[in-house]
C-alpha cells in the first residue's frame, strides 16, 4: 500500500506544483524502516498558507494533518484505515488537496 502511495505522489508531483503545492517525499529507505512490520510512506505538502502531512502504512492505514502556517492552528486531522489495494488516491486525497490549495477565509477578506 505504501509503495502504491509513493508511486502515486511521484506521478502527481508536477501537477501539484502547478497548483502551488511543493511536495517533499520522506525517504524511508534505510534499514530501520525496511525491517518495520508495517512500513509507511510519509509526504509533506506545502503551500503559501498551509502545510500538510500524509502518511500511508502498508497495513492500509492513513493519516492526514493540515496546519495553517501563519497561526500554527491545526485545520484538519483525519485518520482512515482498511484502505484496500484497489484504492484510488485521486479520489480519497482530493478533499485534502482542495483544502490546501484554497486561500484561508481571513486572506480572502483582506483582498
Protein backbone atom coordinates (compact mmCIF):
# COMPACT_ATOMS: atom_id res chain seq x y z
CA UNK A 1 0.00 0.00 0.00
CA UNK A 2 2.72 2.50 0.94
CA UNK A 3 4.51 1.78 -2.35
CA UNK A 4 1.29 2.44 -4.29
CA UNK A 5 1.04 5.78 -2.48
CA UNK A 6 4.70 6.64 -3.19
CA UNK A 7 4.20 5.90 -6.91
CA UNK A 8 1.02 7.97 -6.97
CA UNK A 9 2.70 11.03 -5.44
CA UNK A 10 5.66 10.75 -7.80
CA UNK A 11 3.24 10.80 -10.74
CA UNK A 12 1.28 13.76 -9.30
CA UNK A 13 4.22 15.86 -8.11
CA UNK A 14 4.42 18.13 -11.19
CA UNK A 15 0.64 18.53 -11.34
CA UNK A 16 0.62 19.62 -7.69
CA UNK A 17 3.49 22.03 -8.29
CA UNK A 18 1.37 23.77 -10.94
CA UNK A 19 -1.28 24.27 -8.22
CA UNK A 20 1.32 25.88 -5.95
CA UNK A 21 1.93 22.79 -3.81
CA UNK A 22 5.52 21.82 -3.03
CA UNK A 23 5.89 18.09 -2.38
CA UNK A 24 8.52 16.54 -0.14
CA UNK A 25 8.69 12.75 -0.12
CA UNK A 26 10.31 11.38 3.03
CA UNK A 27 12.98 8.80 2.33
CA UNK A 28 12.20 5.75 4.42
CA UNK A 29 14.61 3.52 2.51
CA UNK A 30 17.17 2.93 5.25
CA UNK A 31 17.46 -0.40 7.04
CA UNK A 32 15.49 0.70 10.10
CA UNK A 33 12.37 1.28 8.03
CA UNK A 34 12.83 -1.72 5.75
CA UNK A 35 12.60 -4.00 8.78
CA UNK A 36 9.41 -2.40 10.10
CA UNK A 37 6.47 -4.81 10.47
CA UNK A 38 4.22 -2.12 8.96
CA UNK A 39 6.28 0.12 6.63
CA UNK A 40 4.93 3.54 5.75
CA UNK A 41 5.37 6.40 3.32
CA UNK A 42 5.05 10.00 4.50
CA UNK A 43 4.88 13.11 2.37
CA UNK A 44 4.72 16.80 3.17
CA UNK A 45 2.74 19.24 1.07
CA UNK A 46 3.42 22.96 1.44
CA UNK A 47 1.60 25.98 0.05
CA UNK A 48 1.82 29.67 0.94
CA UNK A 49 -0.83 29.19 3.63
CA UNK A 50 -0.83 25.54 4.70
CA UNK A 51 1.48 22.68 5.44
CA UNK A 52 0.15 19.14 5.35
CA UNK A 53 1.48 15.69 6.04
CA UNK A 54 0.04 12.47 4.72
CA UNK A 55 1.23 9.07 5.87
CA UNK A 56 0.12 5.73 4.42
CA UNK A 57 1.05 2.42 6.02
CA UNK A 58 1.32 -0.92 4.27
CA UNK A 59 -1.48 -2.21 6.53
CA UNK A 60 -3.94 0.22 4.89
CA UNK A 61 -3.97 2.99 7.46
CA UNK A 62 -3.66 6.65 6.55
CA UNK A 63 -3.47 9.88 8.49
CA UNK A 64 -3.67 13.43 7.19
CA UNK A 65 -2.87 16.62 9.05
CA UNK A 66 -3.21 20.19 7.76
CA UNK A 67 -1.79 23.17 9.64
CA UNK A 68 -2.22 26.91 8.99
CA UNK A 69 1.33 28.21 8.58
CA UNK A 70 0.71 31.71 9.93
CA UNK A 71 -1.18 30.67 13.08
CA UNK A 72 0.11 27.16 13.73
CA UNK A 73 -3.51 26.07 14.11
CA UNK A 74 -4.37 22.52 13.11
CA UNK A 75 -7.04 22.96 10.45
CA UNK A 76 -7.74 19.29 9.90
CA UNK A 77 -6.75 15.88 11.16
CA UNK A 78 -8.20 12.73 9.65
CA UNK A 79 -7.47 9.04 10.05
CA UNK A 80 -8.64 6.21 7.85
CA UNK A 81 -8.00 2.50 8.00
CA UNK A 82 -8.80 -0.56 5.95
CA UNK A 83 -7.71 1.08 2.69
CA UNK A 84 -7.74 -1.60 0.01
CA UNK A 85 -5.11 -2.33 -2.62
CA UNK A 86 -7.53 -1.01 -5.25
CA UNK A 87 -7.68 2.43 -3.64
CA UNK A 88 -7.80 5.45 -5.92
CA UNK A 89 -5.66 8.11 -4.26
CA UNK A 90 -7.02 10.67 -6.75
CA UNK A 91 -10.42 10.28 -5.13
CA UNK A 92 -9.52 9.79 -1.47
CA UNK A 93 -7.00 12.64 -1.33
CA UNK A 94 -8.95 15.17 -3.41
CA UNK A 95 -10.69 16.87 -0.43
CA UNK A 96 -7.35 17.35 1.33
CA UNK A 97 -5.59 18.68 -1.77
CA UNK A 98 -8.55 21.00 -2.42
CA UNK A 99 -8.28 22.31 1.15
CA UNK A 100 -4.59 23.22 0.95
CA UNK A 101 -4.84 24.95 -2.42
CA UNK A 102 -7.67 27.24 -1.30
CA UNK A 103 -6.90 30.52 0.42
CA UNK A 104 -7.84 30.92 4.07
CA UNK A 105 -11.01 32.94 4.73
CA UNK A 106 -9.09 35.67 6.56
CA UNK A 107 -6.88 36.19 3.48
CA UNK A 108 -9.92 36.42 1.18
CA UNK A 109 -11.43 39.12 3.40
CA UNK A 110 -8.33 41.31 3.07
CA UNK A 111 -8.40 41.39 -0.72
